[in-house]
Amino acid sequence: MSYQIELRHIRYFLAVAEELHFRKASERLFISQPGLSRQIKQMENELGVVLFERHNRKVVLTKTGQYLKKELQLNLKQFEDILDHAKLVQAGKKGQLKIGYVGSAMQNIIPNLLIKYREEHPDVMFSLKEMENQNQIDDLLSYNIDIGFMRLETLPKNLMRQTVLSDIFCIVLPENHAINSKNFKSLAQFKEETFILFDPDYSASYYDKVIQIFKDCGFTPSVSHLTIHATSIYKLVANDFGISIVPKSLQNDAVKGIKFIDLKTIKQRTELSMVWHTKNRNPVLLHALELMQKIKG
């Protein structure tokens, strides 16, 4: 069965589905409200379905409308990506790879990937954005990014992961702190200290793992500050607001006023994973996955 549904019908439907208000949707689309209503009605008649329930001024998506909203949002995004890819081809580029990442991935993992990729595919554009773990998940599911580099224990359906780094932890201390790598014995030496940690919103599973490190050492930490940026942690530690625990890959010996002690004897490790959507059809993504496998090997 063929339907006389045009791209404008889909855009109009999604605007109303997202706003749940015909006037607001018409203002967003720069068309008249009666005209928008006619287009939605035309789409409903063509498909033989009811997309919205209208109660006075209230608009509610039907189950059919909810299904179409979810699927059309994803497929329209892929369609727009195809058109964008066509523009890149016209400009002499082979495509674009959109990458989300947590800060530690930018130390070595991503630069190595990009350098190797550029050697084999010099005509590819890269878009890089530092993001929290959950924002990466959301953007992978909606195809706003192609690859995410994150620290997360569980993933939604249709997302695949490859571990690219298994990391030990290290203590971050003010440079003049009495404890150093020579007299350090156990994390229990810091039970009277205050700690600056990554916010649970950064990654709840990562935060829980760090808290378990303290519990294994027989104490619960006094947490004075939470942040999502390693640079903020280092600034706070350097100015004696507390000490911290970070993944080894975030160690930066060039930062003044702080020092690091590796926690080699604890059992906990934190994994950095490369994550992608199994239904993402971006051809550049496949090349990146193959290349990362070579780098890891």
C-alpha atoms as a PDB file:
ATOM      1  CA  MET A   1       0.000   0.000   0.000  1.00  0.00           C
ATOM      2  CA  SER A   2       1.376   3.434  -0.946  1.00  0.00           C
ATOM      3  CA  TYR A   3       0.701   6.600   1.017  1.00  0.00           C
ATOM      4  CA  GLN A   4       0.735  10.179  -0.240  1.00  0.00           C
ATOM      5  CA  ILE A   5       2.678  11.337   2.787  1.00  0.00           C
ATOM      6  CA  GLU A   6       5.264  14.033   2.154  1.00  0.00           C
ATOM      7  CA  LEU A   7       8.202  15.179   4.273  1.00  0.00           C
ATOM      8  CA  ARG A   8       6.262  18.285   5.323  1.00  0.00           C
ATOM      9  CA  HIS A   9       3.553  16.093   6.864  1.00  0.00           C
ATOM     10  CA  ILE A  10       6.189  14.375   9.008  1.00  0.00           C
ATOM     11  CA  ARG A  11       7.733  17.672  10.111  1.00  0.00           C
ATOM     12  CA  TYR A  12       4.293  19.089  10.937  1.00  0.00           C
ATOM     13  CA  PHE A  13       3.329  15.974  12.891  1.00  0.00           C
ATOM     14  CA  LEU A  14       6.572  15.984  14.892  1.00  0.00           C
ATOM     15  CA  ALA A  15       6.173  19.670  15.748  1.00  0.00           C
ATOM     16  CA  VAL A  16       2.701  19.069  17.189  1.00  0.00           C
ATOM     17  CA  ALA A  17       3.826  15.826  18.886  1.00  0.00           C
ATOM     18  CA  GLU A  18       6.675  17.652  20.600  1.00  0.00           C
ATOM     19  CA  GLU A  19       4.745  20.776  21.545  1.00  0.00           C
ATOM     20  CA  LEU A  20       1.383  19.068  22.238  1.00  0.00           C
ATOM     21  CA  HIS A  21      -0.121  22.422  21.314  1.00  0.00           C
ATOM     22  CA  PHE A  22      -1.302  23.377  17.819  1.00  0.00           C
ATOM     23  CA  ARG A  23      -0.779  27.124  18.226  1.00  0.00           C
ATOM     24  CA  LYS A  24       2.776  26.747  19.560  1.00  0.00           C
ATOM     25  CA  ALA A  25       3.570  24.240  16.821  1.00  0.00           C
ATOM     26  CA  SER A  26       2.180  26.554  14.114  1.00  0.00           C
ATOM     27  CA  GLU A  27       4.296  29.447  15.446  1.00  0.00           C
ATOM     28  CA  ARG A  28       7.356  27.206  15.430  1.00  0.00           C
ATOM     29  CA  LEU A  29       6.657  26.190  11.818  1.00  0.00           C
ATOM     30  CA  PHE A  30       5.650  29.696  10.671  1.00  0.00           C
ATOM     31  CA  ILE A  31       2.336  28.509   9.245  1.00  0.00           C
ATOM     32  CA  SER A  32      -1.256  29.244  10.252  1.00  0.00           C
ATOM     33  CA  GLN A  33      -2.905  27.118  12.912  1.00  0.00           C
ATOM     34  CA  PRO A  34      -5.875  26.156  10.639  1.00  0.00           C
ATOM     35  CA  GLY A  35      -3.384  25.197   7.915  1.00  0.00           C
ATOM     36  CA  LEU A  36      -1.439  23.009  10.338  1.00  0.00           C
ATOM     37  CA  SER A  37      -4.623  21.330  11.552  1.00  0.00           C
ATOM     38  CA  ARG A  38      -5.588  20.527   7.947  1.00  0.00           C
ATOM     39  CA  GLN A  39      -2.176  18.974   7.257  1.00  0.00           C
ATOM     40  CA  ILE A  40      -2.387  16.774  10.358  1.00  0.00           C
ATOM     41  CA  LYS A  41      -5.926  15.719   9.458  1.00  0.00           C
ATOM     42  CA  GLN A  42      -4.767  14.934   5.933  1.00  0.00           C
ATOM     43  CA  MET A  43      -2.006  12.726   7.324  1.00  0.00           C
ATOM     44  CA  GLU A  44      -4.427  10.924   9.643  1.00  0.00           C
ATOM     45  CA  ASN A  45      -6.884  10.337   6.769  1.00  0.00           C
ATOM     46  CA  GLU A  46      -4.153   9.111   4.450  1.00  0.00           C
ATOM     47  CA  LEU A  47      -2.869   6.615   7.038  1.00  0.00           C
ATOM     48  CA  GLY A  48      -6.301   5.734   8.399  1.00  0.00           C
ATOM     49  CA  VAL A  49      -5.210   6.359  11.977  1.00  0.00           C
ATOM     50  CA  VAL A  50      -5.819   8.823  14.799  1.00  0.00           C
ATOM     51  CA  LEU A  51      -2.625  10.532  15.928  1.00  0.00           C
ATOM     52  CA  PHE A  52      -3.960  12.987  18.513  1.00  0.00           C
ATOM     53  CA  GLU A  53      -6.817  13.119  20.977  1.00  0.00           C
ATOM     54  CA  ARG A  54      -8.157  16.650  21.227  1.00  0.00           C
ATOM     55  CA  HIS A  55      -9.878  17.674  24.471  1.00  0.00           C
ATOM     56  CA  ASN A  56     -10.793  21.379  24.478  1.00  0.00           C
ATOM     57  CA  ARG A  57      -7.356  23.033  24.416  1.00  0.00           C
ATOM     58  CA  LYS A  58      -5.479  19.899  25.463  1.00  0.00           C
ATOM     59  CA  VAL A  59      -3.733  17.720  22.873  1.00  0.00           C
ATOM     60  CA  VAL A  60      -2.605  14.171  23.719  1.00  0.00           C
ATOM     61  CA  LEU A  61      -0.800  11.655  21.545  1.00  0.00           C
ATOM     62  CA  THR A  62      -2.605   8.376  20.956  1.00  0.00           C
ATOM     63  CA  LYS A  63      -0.623   5.130  21.235  1.00  0.00           C
ATOM     64  CA  THR A  64      -0.275   5.226  17.447  1.00  0.00           C
ATOM     65  CA  GLY A  65       0.935   8.806  17.667  1.00  0.00           C
ATOM     66  CA  GLN A  66       3.471   7.891  20.372  1.00  0.00           C
ATOM     67  CA  TYR A  67       4.831   5.096  18.196  1.00  0.00           C
ATOM     68  CA  LEU A  68       5.099   7.329  15.117  1.00  0.00           C
ATOM     69  CA  LYS A  69       6.755  10.124  17.083  1.00  0.00           C
ATOM     70  CA  LYS A  70       9.492   7.832  18.376  1.00  0.00           C
ATOM     71  CA  GLU A  71      10.181   6.117  15.057  1.00  0.00           C
ATOM     72  CA  LEU A  72       9.924   9.190  12.846  1.00  0.00           C
ATOM     73  CA  GLN A  73      12.244  11.216  15.085  1.00  0.00           C
ATOM     74  CA  LEU A  74      14.945   8.575  14.697  1.00  0.00           C
ATOM     75  CA  ASN A  75      14.406   7.942  10.997  1.00  0.00           C
ATOM     76  CA  LEU A  76      14.146  11.630  10.128  1.00  0.00           C
ATOM     77  CA  LYS A  77      17.458  12.191  11.905  1.00  0.00           C
ATOM     78  CA  GLN A  78      19.047   9.442   9.817  1.00  0.00           C
ATOM     79  CA  PHE A  79      17.513  10.926   6.662  1.00  0.00           C
ATOM     80  CA  GLU A  80      18.989  14.343   7.521  1.00  0.00           C
ATOM     81  CA  ASP A  81      22.361  12.678   8.166  1.00  0.00           C
ATOM     82  CA  ILE A  82      22.198  11.106   4.690  1.00  0.00           C
ATOM     83  CA  LEU A  83      21.573  14.523   3.138  1.00  0.00           C
ATOM     84  CA  ASP A  84      24.414  16.046   5.167  1.00  0.00           C
ATOM     85  CA  HIS A  85      26.659  13.206   4.043  1.00  0.00           C
ATOM     86  CA  ALA A  86      25.734  13.950   0.426  1.00  0.00           C
ATOM     87  CA  LYS A  87      26.802  17.577   0.906  1.00  0.00           C
ATOM     88  CA  LEU A  88      30.142  16.428   2.309  1.00  0.00           C
ATOM     89  CA  VAL A  89      30.656  14.139  -0.701  1.00  0.00           C
ATOM     90  CA  GLN A  90      29.919  17.079  -3.005  1.00  0.00           C
ATOM     91  CA  ALA A  91      32.552  19.088  -1.096  1.00  0.00           C
ATOM     92  CA  GLY A  92      35.132  16.347  -1.627  1.00  0.00           C
ATOM     93  CA  LYS A  93      34.758  14.760   1.809  1.00  0.00           C
ATOM     94  CA  LYS A  94      33.990  11.116   2.491  1.00  0.00           C
ATOM     95  CA  GLY A  95      31.814  11.870   5.477  1.00  0.00           C
ATOM     96  CA  GLN A  96      31.760  12.934   9.105  1.00  0.00           C
ATOM     97  CA  LEU A  97      32.298  11.127  12.405  1.00  0.00           C
ATOM     98  CA  LYS A  98      30.605  12.667  15.438  1.00  0.00           C
ATOM     99  CA  ILE A  99      32.239  11.706  18.730  1.00  0.00           C
ATOM    100  CA  GLY A 100      31.144  12.242  22.315  1.00  0.00           C
ATOM    101  CA  TYR A 101      33.594  11.605  25.113  1.00  0.00           C
ATOM    102  CA  VAL A 102      34.466  11.906  28.788  1.00  0.00           C
ATOM    103  CA  GLY A 103      37.624  13.888  29.527  1.00  0.00           C
ATOM    104  CA  SER A 104      39.973  10.939  30.103  1.00  0.00           C
ATOM    105  CA  ALA A 105      39.393   9.645  26.562  1.00  0.00           C
ATOM    106  CA  MET A 106      41.072  12.764  25.184  1.00  0.00           C
ATOM    107  CA  GLN A 107      44.379  11.976  26.902  1.00  0.00           C
ATOM    108  CA  ASN A 108      45.480   9.256  24.480  1.00  0.00           C
ATOM    109  CA  ILE A 109      42.615   7.135  23.133  1.00  0.00           C
ATOM    110  CA  ILE A 110      40.865   9.652  20.858  1.00  0.00           C
ATOM    111  CA  PRO A 111      44.039  11.392  19.595  1.00  0.00           C
ATOM    112  CA  ASN A 112      45.500   7.998  18.618  1.00  0.00           C
ATOM    113  CA  LEU A 113      42.278   7.048  16.835  1.00  0.00           C
ATOM    114  CA  LEU A 114      42.086  10.330  14.931  1.00  0.00           C
ATOM    115  CA  ILE A 115      45.743  10.263  13.893  1.00  0.00           C
ATOM    116  CA  LYS A 116      45.470   6.701  12.577  1.00  0.00           C
ATOM    117  CA  TYR A 117      42.140   7.422  10.914  1.00  0.00           C
ATOM    118  CA  ARG A 118      43.484  10.512   9.169  1.00  0.00           C
ATOM    119  CA  GLU A 119      46.384   8.465   7.787  1.00  0.00           C
ATOM    120  CA  GLU A 120      43.969   6.057   6.098  1.00  0.00           C
ATOM    121  CA  HIS A 121      41.033   8.405   5.425  1.00  0.00           C
ATOM    122  CA  PRO A 122      42.256  12.019   5.134  1.00  0.00           C
ATOM    123  CA  ASP A 123      38.954  13.217   3.659  1.00  0.00           C
ATOM    124  CA  VAL A 124      36.820  12.688   6.784  1.00  0.00           C
ATOM    125  CA  MET A 125      35.612  15.440   9.097  1.00  0.00           C
ATOM    126  CA  PHE A 126      35.504  14.947  12.883  1.00  0.00           C
ATOM    127  CA  SER A 127      33.122  16.556  15.345  1.00  0.00           C
ATOM    128  CA  LEU A 128      34.176  16.252  19.001  1.00  0.00           C
ATOM    129  CA  LYS A 129      32.112  17.090  22.077  1.00  0.00           C
ATOM    130  CA  GLU A 130      32.908  16.439  25.753  1.00  0.00           C
ATOM    131  CA  MET A 131      29.755  15.043  27.361  1.00  0.00           C
ATOM    132  CA  GLU A 132      28.528  13.279  30.475  1.00  0.00           C
ATOM    133  CA  ASN A 133      27.851   9.556  30.153  1.00  0.00           C
ATOM    134  CA  GLN A 134      24.052   9.779  30.101  1.00  0.00           C
ATOM    135  CA  ASN A 135      24.073  12.577  27.523  1.00  0.00           C
ATOM    136  CA  GLN A 136      26.211  10.366  25.327  1.00  0.00           C
ATOM    137  CA  ILE A 137      23.696   7.530  25.685  1.00  0.00           C
ATOM    138  CA  ASP A 138      20.824   9.849  24.727  1.00  0.00           C
ATOM    139  CA  ASP A 139      22.709  11.193  21.707  1.00  0.00           C
ATOM    140  CA  LEU A 140      23.742   7.732  20.537  1.00  0.00           C
ATOM    141  CA  LEU A 141      20.137   6.541  20.680  1.00  0.00           C
ATOM    142  CA  SER A 142      18.973   9.586  18.709  1.00  0.00           C
ATOM    143  CA  TYR A 143      21.916   9.355  16.248  1.00  0.00           C
ATOM    144  CA  ASN A 144      23.249  12.784  17.229  1.00  0.00           C
ATOM    145  CA  ILE A 145      26.680  11.213  17.755  1.00  0.00           C
ATOM    146  CA  ASP A 146      28.213   8.134  16.121  1.00  0.00           C
ATOM    147  CA  ILE A 147      30.614   7.026  18.862  1.00  0.00           C
ATOM    148  CA  GLY A 148      30.701   7.627  22.592  1.00  0.00           C
ATOM    149  CA  PHE A 149      33.687   7.129  24.880  1.00  0.00           C
ATOM    150  CA  MET A 150      32.317   6.620  28.370  1.00  0.00           C
ATOM    151  CA  ARG A 151      32.524   4.871  31.720  1.00  0.00           C
ATOM    152  CA  LEU A 152      29.243   3.008  32.158  1.00  0.00           C
ATOM    153  CA  GLU A 153      28.428  -0.490  33.408  1.00  0.00           C
ATOM    154  CA  THR A 154      25.109  -1.133  31.632  1.00  0.00           C
ATOM    155  CA  LEU A 155      23.798  -0.050  28.236  1.00  0.00           C
ATOM    156  CA  PRO A 156      20.333   0.183  26.661  1.00  0.00           C
ATOM    157  CA  LYS A 157      19.248  -2.169  23.892  1.00  0.00           C
ATOM    158  CA  ASN A 158      20.841  -1.583  20.458  1.00  0.00           C
ATOM    159  CA  LEU A 159      24.011  -0.091  21.910  1.00  0.00           C
ATOM    160  CA  MET A 160      27.263  -2.051  21.655  1.00  0.00           C
ATOM    161  CA  ARG A 161      30.517  -1.496  23.499  1.00  0.00           C
ATOM    162  CA  GLN A 162      34.201  -2.292  23.195  1.00  0.00           C
ATOM    163  CA  THR A 163      36.534  -1.782  26.146  1.00  0.00           C
ATOM    164  CA  VAL A 164      39.436   0.406  25.069  1.00  0.00           C
ATOM    165  CA  LEU A 165      41.119   0.945  28.436  1.00  0.00           C
ATOM    166  CA  SER A 166      41.123  -0.781  31.826  1.00  0.00           C
ATOM    167  CA  ASP A 167      42.310   1.832  34.276  1.00  0.00           C
ATOM    168  CA  ILE A 168      43.672   1.765  37.811  1.00  0.00           C
ATOM    169  CA  PHE A 169      42.882   4.626  40.190  1.00  0.00           C
ATOM    170  CA  CYS A 170      45.206   7.153  41.745  1.00  0.00           C
ATOM    171  CA  ILE A 171      45.045   9.583  44.670  1.00  0.00           C
ATOM    172  CA  VAL A 172      45.345  13.308  43.928  1.00  0.00           C
ATOM    173  CA  LEU A 173      47.016  15.297  46.717  1.00  0.00           C
ATOM    174  CA  PRO A 174      48.270  18.841  47.252  1.00  0.00           C
ATOM    175  CA  GLU A 175      51.941  19.016  46.332  1.00  0.00           C
ATOM    176  CA  ASN A 176      52.985  19.738  49.940  1.00  0.00           C
ATOM    177  CA  HIS A 177      50.911  16.903  51.482  1.00  0.00           C
ATOM    178  CA  ALA A 178      52.844  14.872  54.066  1.00  0.00           C
ATOM    179  CA  ILE A 179      52.018  11.553  52.415  1.00  0.00           C
ATOM    180  CA  ASN A 180      53.884  10.682  49.231  1.00  0.00           C
ATOM    181  CA  SER A 181      54.569   7.594  47.127  1.00  0.00           C
ATOM    182  CA  LYS A 182      57.343   6.494  49.540  1.00  0.00           C
ATOM    183  CA  ASN A 183      55.384   6.578  52.823  1.00  0.00           C
ATOM    184  CA  PHE A 184      51.976   5.684  51.373  1.00  0.00           C
ATOM    185  CA  LYS A 185      50.619   2.391  52.718  1.00  0.00           C
ATOM    186  CA  SER A 186      46.846   2.412  52.478  1.00  0.00           C
ATOM    187  CA  LEU A 187      43.920   4.618  51.551  1.00  0.00           C
ATOM    188  CA  ALA A 188      42.931   4.372  55.219  1.00  0.00           C
ATOM    189  CA  GLN A 189      45.657   6.957  55.875  1.00  0.00           C
ATOM    190  CA  PHE A 190      43.274   9.542  54.411  1.00  0.00           C
ATOM    191  CA  LYS A 191      40.126   8.708  56.405  1.00  0.00           C
ATOM    192  CA  GLU A 192      40.215  12.091  58.172  1.00  0.00           C
ATOM    193  CA  GLU A 193      40.536  14.009  54.887  1.00  0.00           C
ATOM    194  CA  THR A 194      37.747  15.577  52.852  1.00  0.00           C
ATOM    195  CA  PHE A 195      37.318  14.382  49.283  1.00  0.00           C
ATOM    196  CA  ILE A 196      36.454  15.979  45.963  1.00  0.00           C
ATOM    197  CA  LEU A 197      34.781  13.431  43.693  1.00  0.00           C
ATOM    198  CA  PHE A 198      33.173  13.185  40.299  1.00  0.00           C
ATOM    199  CA  ASP A 199      29.457  13.925  40.569  1.00  0.00           C
ATOM    200  CA  PRO A 200      27.170  10.828  40.466  1.00  0.00           C
ATOM    201  CA  ASP A 201      25.406  12.525  37.540  1.00  0.00           C
ATOM    202  CA  TYR A 202      28.673  12.101  35.630  1.00  0.00           C
ATOM    203  CA  SER A 203      28.284   8.344  36.080  1.00  0.00           C
ATOM    204  CA  ALA A 204      26.365   6.725  38.927  1.00  0.00           C
ATOM    205  CA  SER A 205      28.129   3.388  38.419  1.00  0.00           C
ATOM    206  CA  TYR A 206      31.561   5.049  38.473  1.00  0.00           C
ATOM    207  CA  TYR A 207      30.668   6.941  41.682  1.00  0.00           C
ATOM    208  CA  ASP A 208      29.450   3.729  43.332  1.00  0.00           C
ATOM    209  CA  LYS A 209      32.705   1.996  42.414  1.00  0.00           C
ATOM    210  CA  VAL A 210      34.770   4.777  44.008  1.00  0.00           C
ATOM    211  CA  ILE A 211      32.641   4.689  47.168  1.00  0.00           C
ATOM    212  CA  GLN A 212      33.194   0.919  47.329  1.00  0.00           C
ATOM    213  CA  ILE A 213      36.954   1.539  47.326  1.00  0.00           C
ATOM    214  CA  PHE A 214      36.552   3.544  50.529  1.00  0.00           C
ATOM    215  CA  LYS A 215      34.277   0.932  52.094  1.00  0.00           C
ATOM    216  CA  ASP A 216      36.828  -1.778  51.369  1.00  0.00           C
ATOM    217  CA  CYS A 217      39.332   0.336  53.310  1.00  0.00           C
ATOM    218  CA  GLY A 218      36.997   0.548  56.307  1.00  0.00           C
ATOM    219  CA  PHE A 219      35.602   4.089  56.126  1.00  0.00           C
ATOM    220  CA  THR A 220      33.052   6.336  54.444  1.00  0.00           C
ATOM    221  CA  PRO A 221      34.585   9.461  52.899  1.00  0.00           C
ATOM    222  CA  SER A 222      33.646  13.001  53.845  1.00  0.00           C
ATOM    223  CA  VAL A 223      32.803  14.550  50.477  1.00  0.00           C
ATOM    224  CA  SER A 224      33.195  18.318  50.320  1.00  0.00           C
ATOM    225  CA  HIS A 225      32.751  18.951  46.594  1.00  0.00           C
ATOM    226  CA  LEU A 226      31.293  17.198  43.544  1.00  0.00           C
ATOM    227  CA  THR A 227      32.196  18.128  39.987  1.00  0.00           C
ATOM    228  CA  ILE A 228      32.155  16.691  36.460  1.00  0.00           C
ATOM    229  CA  HIS A 229      35.518  18.089  35.331  1.00  0.00           C
ATOM    230  CA  ALA A 230      38.991  16.829  36.220  1.00  0.00           C
ATOM    231  CA  THR A 231      40.379  20.357  35.832  1.00  0.00           C
ATOM    232  CA  SER A 232      38.029  21.523  38.603  1.00  0.00           C
ATOM    233  CA  ILE A 233      39.210  18.692  40.852  1.00  0.00           C
ATOM    234  CA  TYR A 234      42.834  19.648  40.302  1.00  0.00           C
ATOM    235  CA  LYS A 235      42.181  23.324  41.024  1.00  0.00           C
ATOM    236  CA  LEU A 236      40.376  22.493  44.253  1.00  0.00           C
ATOM    237  CA  VAL A 237      43.060  20.040  45.401  1.00  0.00           C
ATOM    238  CA  ALA A 238      45.853  22.503  44.596  1.00  0.00           C
ATOM    239  CA  ASN A 239      44.093  25.083  46.768  1.00  0.00           C
ATOM    240  CA  ASP A 240      43.691  22.673  49.745  1.00  0.00           C
ATOM    241  CA  PHE A 241      39.920  22.164  49.479  1.00  0.00           C
ATOM    242  CA  GLY A 242      40.404  18.393  49.744  1.00  0.00           C
ATOM    243  CA  ILE A 243      41.946  15.412  47.985  1.00  0.00           C
ATOM    244  CA  SER A 244      40.563  13.155  45.290  1.00  0.00           C
ATOM    245  CA  ILE A 245      40.584   9.814  43.471  1.00  0.00           C
ATOM    246  CA  VAL A 246      40.660   9.772  39.658  1.00  0.00           C
ATOM    247  CA  PRO A 247      41.386   7.211  36.923  1.00  0.00           C
ATOM    248  CA  LYS A 248      45.071   6.860  36.124  1.00  0.00           C
ATOM    249  CA  SER A 249      44.429   8.020  32.546  1.00  0.00           C
ATOM    250  CA  LEU A 250      43.491  11.448  33.913  1.00  0.00           C
ATOM    251  CA  GLN A 251      46.844  11.880  35.640  1.00  0.00           C
ATOM    252  CA  ASN A 252      48.467  15.092  34.450  1.00  0.00           C
ATOM    253  CA  ASP A 253      51.906  15.737  35.894  1.00  0.00           C
ATOM    254  CA  ALA A 254      52.021  19.126  34.179  1.00  0.00           C
ATOM    255  CA  VAL A 255      49.391  20.562  36.543  1.00  0.00           C
ATOM    256  CA  LYS A 256      51.113  22.644  39.190  1.00  0.00           C
ATOM    257  CA  GLY A 257      50.376  22.294  42.914  1.00  0.00           C
ATOM    258  CA  ILE A 258      49.303  18.638  42.959  1.00  0.00           C
ATOM    259  CA  LYS A 259      50.811  15.154  42.974  1.00  0.00           C
ATOM    260  CA  PHE A 260      49.541  11.656  42.236  1.00  0.00           C
ATOM    261  CA  ILE A 261      49.925   8.299  43.981  1.00  0.00           C
ATOM    262  CA  ASP A 262      48.875   5.151  42.093  1.00  0.00           C
ATOM    263  CA  LEU A 263      46.512   2.790  43.908  1.00  0.00           C
ATOM    264  CA  LYS A 264      48.034  -0.387  42.468  1.00  0.00           C
ATOM    265  CA  THR A 265      46.954  -2.791  45.218  1.00  0.00           C
ATOM    266  CA  ILE A 266      43.173  -2.231  45.191  1.00  0.00           C
ATOM    267  CA  LYS A 267      41.018  -4.612  43.146  1.00  0.00           C
ATOM    268  CA  GLN A 268      38.800  -1.986  41.524  1.00  0.00           C
ATOM    269  CA  ARG A 269      39.419  -0.939  37.949  1.00  0.00           C
ATOM    270  CA  THR A 270      37.454   1.495  35.830  1.00  0.00           C
ATOM    271  CA  GLU A 271      36.862   0.689  32.175  1.00  0.00           C
ATOM    272  CA  LEU A 272      36.679   3.214  29.384  1.00  0.00           C
ATOM    273  CA  SER A 273      34.460   1.896  26.604  1.00  0.00           C
ATOM    274  CA  MET A 274      33.798   2.892  23.032  1.00  0.00           C
ATOM    275  CA  VAL A 275      30.029   2.676  22.461  1.00  0.00           C
ATOM    276  CA  TRP A 276      27.985   2.853  19.260  1.00  0.00           C
ATOM    277  CA  HIS A 277      24.465   2.194  17.956  1.00  0.00           C
ATOM    278  CA  THR A 278      24.222  -1.125  16.113  1.00  0.00           C
ATOM    279  CA  LYS A 279      21.728   0.369  13.628  1.00  0.00           C
ATOM    280  CA  ASN A 280      23.818   3.428  12.790  1.00  0.00           C
ATOM    281  CA  ARG A 281      24.415   3.307   9.023  1.00  0.00           C
ATOM    282  CA  ASN A 282      27.120   5.950   8.830  1.00  0.00           C
ATOM    283  CA  PRO A 283      29.824   4.290   6.640  1.00  0.00           C
ATOM    284  CA  VAL A 284      32.545   6.270   8.418  1.00  0.00           C
ATOM    285  CA  LEU A 285      31.574   4.561  11.695  1.00  0.00           C
ATOM    286  CA  LEU A 286      32.396   1.094  10.343  1.00  0.00           C
ATOM    287  CA  HIS A 287      35.889   2.230   9.369  1.00  0.00           C
ATOM    288  CA  ALA A 288      36.410   3.717  12.849  1.00  0.00           C
ATOM    289  CA  LEU A 289      35.350   0.479  14.557  1.00  0.00           C
ATOM    290  CA  GLU A 290      37.699  -1.564  12.385  1.00  0.00           C
ATOM    291  CA  LEU A 291      40.545   0.825  13.056  1.00  0.00           C
ATOM    292  CA  MET A 292      39.998   0.825  16.817  1.00  0.00           C
ATOM    293  CA  GLN A 293      40.141  -2.965  16.759  1.00  0.00           C
ATOM    294  CA  LYS A 294      43.529  -2.737  15.007  1.00  0.00           C
ATOM    295  CA  ILE A 295      44.810  -0.169  17.527  1.00  0.00           C
ATOM    296  CA  LYS A 296      43.669  -2.298  20.457  1.00  0.00           C
ATOM    297  CA  GLY A 297      45.192  -5.407  18.893  1.00  0.00           C
END
